[in-house]
Amino acid sequence: MMTEQELLSKVEIALEEIRPFLQSDGGDISLISIDEGKIVKVQLQGACVGCTVNQMTLKSGVEMTIKKHAPQIESVLSV
């Protein structure tokens, strides 16, 4: 079982992997919280906020990348 700090670190690593793609489209992402050690809350920023594909991006890209680094994460929510 990962500690809260290790989990936070893994999620940040995943977000760093995703960030260049979002920034190339004029957006960004930030980690808001990790609830119960399995639900990641993120906030999309910049061009990503009103983007029609952001829910798809969130599920396919962000969630998949976070789960690759931290398999115990069950879902990623945009707040």
PDB file of N, CA and C in Angstrom:
ATOM      1  N   MET A   1       0.848  -1.200   0.000  1.00  0.00           N
ATOM      2  CA  MET A   1       0.000   0.000   0.000  1.00  0.00           C
ATOM      3  C   MET A   1       0.883   1.250   0.000  1.00  0.00           C
ATOM      4  N   MET A   2       0.548   2.153  -0.886  1.00  0.00           N
ATOM      5  CA  MET A   2       1.295   3.395  -1.003  1.00  0.00           C
ATOM      6  C   MET A   2       0.905   4.382   0.086  1.00  0.00           C
ATOM      7  N   THR A   3       1.868   5.145   0.565  1.00  0.00           N
ATOM      8  CA  THR A   3       1.534   6.208   1.511  1.00  0.00           C
ATOM      9  C   THR A   3       0.852   7.340   0.739  1.00  0.00           C
ATOM     10  N   GLU A   4       0.213   8.226   1.472  1.00  0.00           N
ATOM     11  CA  GLU A   4      -0.456   9.368   0.844  1.00  0.00           C
ATOM     12  C   GLU A   4       0.547  10.213   0.058  1.00  0.00           C
ATOM     13  N   GLN A   5       1.752  10.383   0.628  1.00  0.00           N
ATOM     14  CA  GLN A   5       2.790  11.174  -0.027  1.00  0.00           C
ATOM     15  C   GLN A   5       3.278  10.512  -1.313  1.00  0.00           C
ATOM     16  N   GLU A   6       3.442   9.199  -1.279  1.00  0.00           N
ATOM     17  CA  GLU A   6       3.873   8.469  -2.479  1.00  0.00           C
ATOM     18  C   GLU A   6       2.812   8.568  -3.579  1.00  0.00           C
ATOM     19  N   LEU A   7       1.560   8.451  -3.170  1.00  0.00           N
ATOM     20  CA  LEU A   7       0.462   8.539  -4.123  1.00  0.00           C
ATOM     21  C   LEU A   7       0.419   9.925  -4.759  1.00  0.00           C
ATOM     22  N   LEU A   8       0.555  10.943  -3.935  1.00  0.00           N
ATOM     23  CA  LEU A   8       0.573  12.329  -4.410  1.00  0.00           C
ATOM     24  C   LEU A   8       1.700  12.520  -5.425  1.00  0.00           C
ATOM     25  N   SER A   9       2.852  11.967  -5.100  1.00  0.00           N
ATOM     26  CA  SER A   9       4.010  12.056  -5.974  1.00  0.00           C
ATOM     27  C   SER A   9       3.748  11.373  -7.320  1.00  0.00           C
ATOM     28  N   LYS A  10       3.147  10.185  -7.285  1.00  0.00           N
ATOM     29  CA  LYS A  10       2.839   9.447  -8.521  1.00  0.00           C
ATOM     30  C   LYS A  10       1.855  10.222  -9.400  1.00  0.00           C
ATOM     31  N   VAL A  11       0.840  10.809  -8.768  1.00  0.00           N
ATOM     32  CA  VAL A  11      -0.165  11.572  -9.527  1.00  0.00           C
ATOM     33  C   VAL A  11       0.479  12.815 -10.140  1.00  0.00           C
ATOM     34  N   GLU A  12       1.350  13.484  -9.395  1.00  0.00           N
ATOM     35  CA  GLU A  12       2.055  14.660  -9.930  1.00  0.00           C
ATOM     36  C   GLU A  12       2.932  14.276 -11.120  1.00  0.00           C
ATOM     37  N   ILE A  13       3.590  13.127 -11.040  1.00  0.00           N
ATOM     38  CA  ILE A  13       4.416  12.645 -12.149  1.00  0.00           C
ATOM     39  C   ILE A  13       3.539  12.431 -13.388  1.00  0.00           C
ATOM     40  N   ALA A  14       2.365  11.838 -13.181  1.00  0.00           N
ATOM     41  CA  ALA A  14       1.432  11.608 -14.286  1.00  0.00           C
ATOM     42  C   ALA A  14       0.989  12.934 -14.897  1.00  0.00           C
ATOM     43  N   LEU A  15       0.678  13.924 -14.044  1.00  0.00           N
ATOM     44  CA  LEU A  15       0.243  15.226 -14.550  1.00  0.00           C
ATOM     45  C   LEU A  15       1.363  15.926 -15.319  1.00  0.00           C
ATOM     46  N   GLU A  16       2.605  15.747 -14.864  1.00  0.00           N
ATOM     47  CA  GLU A  16       3.745  16.328 -15.581  1.00  0.00           C
ATOM     48  C   GLU A  16       3.871  15.732 -16.984  1.00  0.00           C
ATOM     49  N   GLU A  17       3.498  14.462 -17.109  1.00  0.00           N
ATOM     50  CA  GLU A  17       3.544  13.773 -18.395  1.00  0.00           C
ATOM     51  C   GLU A  17       2.477  14.327 -19.352  1.00  0.00           C
ATOM     52  N   ILE A  18       1.337  14.699 -18.795  1.00  0.00           N
ATOM     53  CA  ILE A  18       0.192  15.177 -19.574  1.00  0.00           C
ATOM     54  C   ILE A  18       0.306  16.667 -19.913  1.00  0.00           C
ATOM     55  N   ARG A  19       0.869  17.421 -18.984  1.00  0.00           N
ATOM     56  CA  ARG A  19       0.901  18.888 -19.065  1.00  0.00           C
ATOM     57  C   ARG A  19       1.385  19.452 -20.413  1.00  0.00           C
ATOM     58  N   PRO A  20       2.484  18.941 -20.995  1.00  0.00           N
ATOM     59  CA  PRO A  20       2.946  19.515 -22.275  1.00  0.00           C
ATOM     60  C   PRO A  20       1.892  19.463 -23.392  1.00  0.00           C
ATOM     61  N   PHE A  21       1.077  18.405 -23.409  1.00  0.00           N
ATOM     62  CA  PHE A  21       0.036  18.284 -24.425  1.00  0.00           C
ATOM     63  C   PHE A  21      -1.046  19.341 -24.216  1.00  0.00           C
ATOM     64  N   LEU A  22      -1.416  19.562 -22.962  1.00  0.00           N
ATOM     65  CA  LEU A  22      -2.436  20.571 -22.652  1.00  0.00           C
ATOM     66  C   LEU A  22      -1.896  21.973 -22.920  1.00  0.00           C
ATOM     67  N   GLN A  23      -0.635  22.201 -22.549  1.00  0.00           N
ATOM     68  CA  GLN A  23      -0.029  23.517 -22.741  1.00  0.00           C
ATOM     69  C   GLN A  23       0.131  23.856 -24.218  1.00  0.00           C
ATOM     70  N   SER A  24       0.346  22.843 -25.047  1.00  0.00           N
ATOM     71  CA  SER A  24       0.483  23.100 -26.479  1.00  0.00           C
ATOM     72  C   SER A  24      -0.830  23.599 -27.082  1.00  0.00           C
ATOM     73  N   ASP A  25      -1.936  23.312 -26.388  1.00  0.00           N
ATOM     74  CA  ASP A  25      -3.246  23.808 -26.819  1.00  0.00           C
ATOM     75  C   ASP A  25      -3.681  25.039 -26.016  1.00  0.00           C
ATOM     76  N   GLY A  26      -2.771  25.596 -25.228  1.00  0.00           N
ATOM     77  CA  GLY A  26      -3.078  26.794 -24.459  1.00  0.00           C
ATOM     78  C   GLY A  26      -3.783  26.529 -23.137  1.00  0.00           C
ATOM     79  N   GLY A  27      -3.684  25.303 -22.650  1.00  0.00           N
ATOM     80  CA  GLY A  27      -4.333  24.964 -21.386  1.00  0.00           C
ATOM     81  C   GLY A  27      -3.346  24.455 -20.359  1.00  0.00           C
ATOM     82  N   ASP A  28      -3.889  23.966 -19.264  1.00  0.00           N
ATOM     83  CA  ASP A  28      -3.065  23.384 -18.207  1.00  0.00           C
ATOM     84  C   ASP A  28      -3.971  22.573 -17.285  1.00  0.00           C
ATOM     85  N   ILE A  29      -3.360  21.914 -16.316  1.00  0.00           N
ATOM     86  CA  ILE A  29      -4.114  21.103 -15.361  1.00  0.00           C
ATOM     87  C   ILE A  29      -3.433  21.209 -14.007  1.00  0.00           C
ATOM     88  N   SER A  30      -4.239  21.223 -12.946  1.00  0.00           N
ATOM     89  CA  SER A  30      -3.641  21.209 -11.616  1.00  0.00           C
ATOM     90  C   SER A  30      -4.390  20.226 -10.729  1.00  0.00           C
ATOM     91  N   LEU A  31      -3.645  19.634  -9.804  1.00  0.00           N
ATOM     92  CA  LEU A  31      -4.204  18.669  -8.866  1.00  0.00           C
ATOM     93  C   LEU A  31      -4.887  19.435  -7.739  1.00  0.00           C
ATOM     94  N   ILE A  32      -6.147  19.103  -7.475  1.00  0.00           N
ATOM     95  CA  ILE A  32      -6.884  19.726  -6.380  1.00  0.00           C
ATOM     96  C   ILE A  32      -6.793  18.847  -5.134  1.00  0.00           C
ATOM     97  N   SER A  33      -7.130  17.568  -5.270  1.00  0.00           N
ATOM     98  CA  SER A  33      -7.070  16.671  -4.117  1.00  0.00           C
ATOM     99  C   SER A  33      -7.098  15.218  -4.545  1.00  0.00           C
ATOM    100  N   ILE A  34      -6.756  14.356  -3.615  1.00  0.00           N
ATOM    101  CA  ILE A  34      -6.924  12.908  -3.791  1.00  0.00           C
ATOM    102  C   ILE A  34      -7.788  12.465  -2.617  1.00  0.00           C
ATOM    103  N   ASP A  35      -9.016  12.059  -2.910  1.00  0.00           N
ATOM    104  CA  ASP A  35      -9.962  11.686  -1.865  1.00  0.00           C
ATOM    105  C   ASP A  35      -9.969  10.180  -1.643  1.00  0.00           C
ATOM    106  N   GLU A  36      -9.894   9.779  -0.384  1.00  0.00           N
ATOM    107  CA  GLU A  36      -9.944   8.370   0.019  1.00  0.00           C
ATOM    108  C   GLU A  36      -8.877   7.524  -0.668  1.00  0.00           C
ATOM    109  N   GLY A  37      -7.841   8.171  -1.155  1.00  0.00           N
ATOM    110  CA  GLY A  37      -6.755   7.439  -1.807  1.00  0.00           C
ATOM    111  C   GLY A  37      -7.111   6.818  -3.135  1.00  0.00           C
ATOM    112  N   LYS A  38      -8.278   7.213  -3.706  1.00  0.00           N
ATOM    113  CA  LYS A  38      -8.671   6.583  -4.970  1.00  0.00           C
ATOM    114  C   LYS A  38      -9.402   7.488  -5.947  1.00  0.00           C
ATOM    115  N   ILE A  39      -9.761   8.687  -5.528  1.00  0.00           N
ATOM    116  CA  ILE A  39     -10.452   9.617  -6.433  1.00  0.00           C
ATOM    117  C   ILE A  39      -9.622  10.889  -6.558  1.00  0.00           C
ATOM    118  N   VAL A  40      -9.140  11.128  -7.760  1.00  0.00           N
ATOM    119  CA  VAL A  40      -8.309  12.297  -8.018  1.00  0.00           C
ATOM    120  C   VAL A  40      -9.198  13.419  -8.547  1.00  0.00           C
ATOM    121  N   LYS A  41      -9.057  14.602  -7.955  1.00  0.00           N
ATOM    122  CA  LYS A  41      -9.781  15.777  -8.447  1.00  0.00           C
ATOM    123  C   LYS A  41      -8.765  16.734  -9.046  1.00  0.00           C
ATOM    124  N   VAL A  42      -9.028  17.100 -10.290  1.00  0.00           N
ATOM    125  CA  VAL A  42      -8.138  18.014 -11.001  1.00  0.00           C
ATOM    126  C   VAL A  42      -8.940  19.206 -11.502  1.00  0.00           C
ATOM    127  N   GLN A  43      -8.224  20.261 -11.826  1.00  0.00           N
ATOM    128  CA  GLN A  43      -8.867  21.432 -12.413  1.00  0.00           C
ATOM    129  C   GLN A  43      -8.178  21.748 -13.733  1.00  0.00           C
ATOM    130  N   LEU A  44      -8.975  21.763 -14.788  1.00  0.00           N
ATOM    131  CA  LEU A  44      -8.458  22.140 -16.103  1.00  0.00           C
ATOM    132  C   LEU A  44      -8.414  23.662 -16.150  1.00  0.00           C
ATOM    133  N   GLN A  45      -7.409  24.193 -16.831  1.00  0.00           N
ATOM    134  CA  GLN A  45      -7.211  25.639 -16.866  1.00  0.00           C
ATOM    135  C   GLN A  45      -6.977  26.136 -18.285  1.00  0.00           C
ATOM    136  N   GLY A  46      -7.087  27.441 -18.454  1.00  0.00           N
ATOM    137  CA  GLY A  46      -6.811  28.065 -19.742  1.00  0.00           C
ATOM    138  C   GLY A  46      -7.773  27.597 -20.813  1.00  0.00           C
ATOM    139  N   ALA A  47      -7.242  27.270 -21.979  1.00  0.00           N
ATOM    140  CA  ALA A  47      -8.063  26.861 -23.115  1.00  0.00           C
ATOM    141  C   ALA A  47      -8.823  25.570 -22.851  1.00  0.00           C
ATOM    142  N   CYS A  48      -8.373  24.779 -21.882  1.00  0.00           N
ATOM    143  CA  CYS A  48      -9.017  23.495 -21.588  1.00  0.00           C
ATOM    144  C   CYS A  48     -10.366  23.668 -20.894  1.00  0.00           C
ATOM    145  N   VAL A  49     -10.601  24.829 -20.280  1.00  0.00           N
ATOM    146  CA  VAL A  49     -11.816  25.032 -19.498  1.00  0.00           C
ATOM    147  C   VAL A  49     -13.080  24.922 -20.337  1.00  0.00           C
ATOM    148  N   GLY A  50     -13.143  25.652 -21.442  1.00  0.00           N
ATOM    149  CA  GLY A  50     -14.360  25.631 -22.252  1.00  0.00           C
ATOM    150  C   GLY A  50     -14.311  24.660 -23.408  1.00  0.00           C
ATOM    151  N   CYS A  51     -13.277  23.844 -23.437  1.00  0.00           N
ATOM    152  CA  CYS A  51     -13.063  22.950 -24.566  1.00  0.00           C
ATOM    153  C   CYS A  51     -14.083  21.816 -24.579  1.00  0.00           C
ATOM    154  N   THR A  52     -14.656  21.562 -25.738  1.00  0.00           N
ATOM    155  CA  THR A  52     -15.676  20.518 -25.850  1.00  0.00           C
ATOM    156  C   THR A  52     -15.101  19.110 -25.709  1.00  0.00           C
ATOM    157  N   VAL A  53     -13.819  18.960 -25.983  1.00  0.00           N
ATOM    158  CA  VAL A  53     -13.225  17.624 -25.871  1.00  0.00           C
ATOM    159  C   VAL A  53     -12.612  17.380 -24.496  1.00  0.00           C
ATOM    160  N   ASN A  54     -12.755  18.332 -23.556  1.00  0.00           N
ATOM    161  CA  ASN A  54     -12.044  18.159 -22.290  1.00  0.00           C
ATOM    162  C   ASN A  54     -12.512  16.962 -21.476  1.00  0.00           C
ATOM    163  N   GLN A  55     -13.783  16.585 -21.567  1.00  0.00           N
ATOM    164  CA  GLN A  55     -14.226  15.394 -20.836  1.00  0.00           C
ATOM    165  C   GLN A  55     -13.607  14.135 -21.435  1.00  0.00           C
ATOM    166  N   MET A  56     -13.491  14.119 -22.753  1.00  0.00           N
ATOM    167  CA  MET A  56     -12.851  13.001 -23.426  1.00  0.00           C
ATOM    168  C   MET A  56     -11.358  12.963 -23.072  1.00  0.00           C
ATOM    169  N   THR A  57     -10.728  14.133 -23.095  1.00  0.00           N
ATOM    170  CA  THR A  57      -9.313  14.242 -22.740  1.00  0.00           C
ATOM    171  C   THR A  57      -9.102  13.765 -21.317  1.00  0.00           C
ATOM    172  N   LEU A  58      -9.995  14.175 -20.437  1.00  0.00           N
ATOM    173  CA  LEU A  58      -9.884  13.813 -19.031  1.00  0.00           C
ATOM    174  C   LEU A  58      -9.936  12.304 -18.858  1.00  0.00           C
ATOM    175  N   LYS A  59     -10.931  11.665 -19.473  1.00  0.00           N
ATOM    176  CA  LYS A  59     -11.091  10.221 -19.309  1.00  0.00           C
ATOM    177  C   LYS A  59     -10.001   9.433 -20.024  1.00  0.00           C
ATOM    178  N   SER A  60      -9.778   9.744 -21.296  1.00  0.00           N
ATOM    179  CA  SER A  60      -8.849   8.909 -22.060  1.00  0.00           C
ATOM    180  C   SER A  60      -7.396   9.206 -21.721  1.00  0.00           C
ATOM    181  N   GLY A  61      -7.045  10.470 -21.708  1.00  0.00           N
ATOM    182  CA  GLY A  61      -5.641  10.813 -21.489  1.00  0.00           C
ATOM    183  C   GLY A  61      -5.239  10.907 -20.035  1.00  0.00           C
ATOM    184  N   VAL A  62      -5.912  11.780 -19.311  1.00  0.00           N
ATOM    185  CA  VAL A  62      -5.516  12.062 -17.938  1.00  0.00           C
ATOM    186  C   VAL A  62      -5.727  10.855 -17.029  1.00  0.00           C
ATOM    187  N   GLU A  63      -6.939  10.297 -17.047  1.00  0.00           N
ATOM    188  CA  GLU A  63      -7.237   9.168 -16.165  1.00  0.00           C
ATOM    189  C   GLU A  63      -6.342   7.971 -16.483  1.00  0.00           C
ATOM    190  N   MET A  64      -6.169   7.695 -17.766  1.00  0.00           N
ATOM    191  CA  MET A  64      -5.343   6.566 -18.175  1.00  0.00           C
ATOM    192  C   MET A  64      -3.893   6.741 -17.700  1.00  0.00           C
ATOM    193  N   THR A  65      -3.359   7.950 -17.847  1.00  0.00           N
ATOM    194  CA  THR A  65      -1.978   8.213 -17.452  1.00  0.00           C
ATOM    195  C   THR A  65      -1.820   8.122 -15.932  1.00  0.00           C
ATOM    196  N   ILE A  66      -2.774   8.676 -15.194  1.00  0.00           N
ATOM    197  CA  ILE A  66      -2.707   8.606 -13.731  1.00  0.00           C
ATOM    198  C   ILE A  66      -2.784   7.155 -13.267  1.00  0.00           C
ATOM    199  N   LYS A  67      -3.691   6.371 -13.864  1.00  0.00           N
ATOM    200  CA  LYS A  67      -3.833   4.959 -13.473  1.00  0.00           C
ATOM    201  C   LYS A  67      -2.584   4.150 -13.809  1.00  0.00           C
ATOM    202  N   LYS A  68      -1.872   4.560 -14.851  1.00  0.00           N
ATOM    203  CA  LYS A  68      -0.629   3.882 -15.216  1.00  0.00           C
ATOM    204  C   LYS A  68       0.407   4.046 -14.092  1.00  0.00           C
ATOM    205  N   HIS A  69       0.444   5.238 -13.505  1.00  0.00           N
ATOM    206  CA  HIS A  69       1.401   5.535 -12.431  1.00  0.00           C
ATOM    207  C   HIS A  69       0.884   5.103 -11.055  1.00  0.00           C
ATOM    208  N   ALA A  70      -0.443   5.167 -10.864  1.00  0.00           N
ATOM    209  CA  ALA A  70      -1.047   4.845  -9.572  1.00  0.00           C
ATOM    210  C   ALA A  70      -2.300   4.003  -9.814  1.00  0.00           C
ATOM    211  N   PRO A  71      -2.130   2.686  -9.997  1.00  0.00           N
ATOM    212  CA  PRO A  71      -3.241   1.801 -10.375  1.00  0.00           C
ATOM    213  C   PRO A  71      -4.427   1.786  -9.410  1.00  0.00           C
ATOM    214  N   GLN A  72      -4.211   2.174  -8.156  1.00  0.00           N
ATOM    215  CA  GLN A  72      -5.322   2.137  -7.200  1.00  0.00           C
ATOM    216  C   GLN A  72      -6.324   3.273  -7.390  1.00  0.00           C
ATOM    217  N   ILE A  73      -5.991   4.244  -8.230  1.00  0.00           N
ATOM    218  CA  ILE A  73      -6.919   5.335  -8.493  1.00  0.00           C
ATOM    219  C   ILE A  73      -8.111   4.786  -9.278  1.00  0.00           C
ATOM    220  N   GLU A  74      -9.317   5.087  -8.807  1.00  0.00           N
ATOM    221  CA  GLU A  74     -10.526   4.574  -9.457  1.00  0.00           C
ATOM    222  C   GLU A  74     -11.096   5.555 -10.468  1.00  0.00           C
ATOM    223  N   SER A  75     -11.010   6.840 -10.161  1.00  0.00           N
ATOM    224  CA  SER A  75     -11.552   7.797 -11.116  1.00  0.00           C
ATOM    225  C   SER A  75     -10.889   9.152 -10.975  1.00  0.00           C
ATOM    226  N   VAL A  76     -10.993   9.918 -12.051  1.00  0.00           N
ATOM    227  CA  VAL A  76     -10.444  11.274 -12.096  1.00  0.00           C
ATOM    228  C   VAL A  76     -11.611  12.206 -12.427  1.00  0.00           C
ATOM    229  N   LEU A  77     -11.812  13.198 -11.576  1.00  0.00           N
ATOM    230  CA  LEU A  77     -12.914  14.137 -11.760  1.00  0.00           C
ATOM    231  C   LEU A  77     -12.381  15.545 -11.990  1.00  0.00           C
ATOM    232  N   SER A  78     -13.040  16.264 -12.869  1.00  0.00           N
ATOM    233  CA  SER A  78     -12.693  17.657 -13.102  1.00  0.00           C
ATOM    234  C   SER A  78     -13.614  18.521 -12.246  1.00  0.00           C
ATOM    235  N   VAL A  79     -13.019  19.393 -11.440  1.00  0.00           N
ATOM    236  CA  VAL A  79     -13.818  20.248 -10.544  1.00  0.00           C
ATOM    237  C   VAL A  79     -13.703  21.703 -10.926  1.00  0.00           C
TER     238      VAL A  79
END
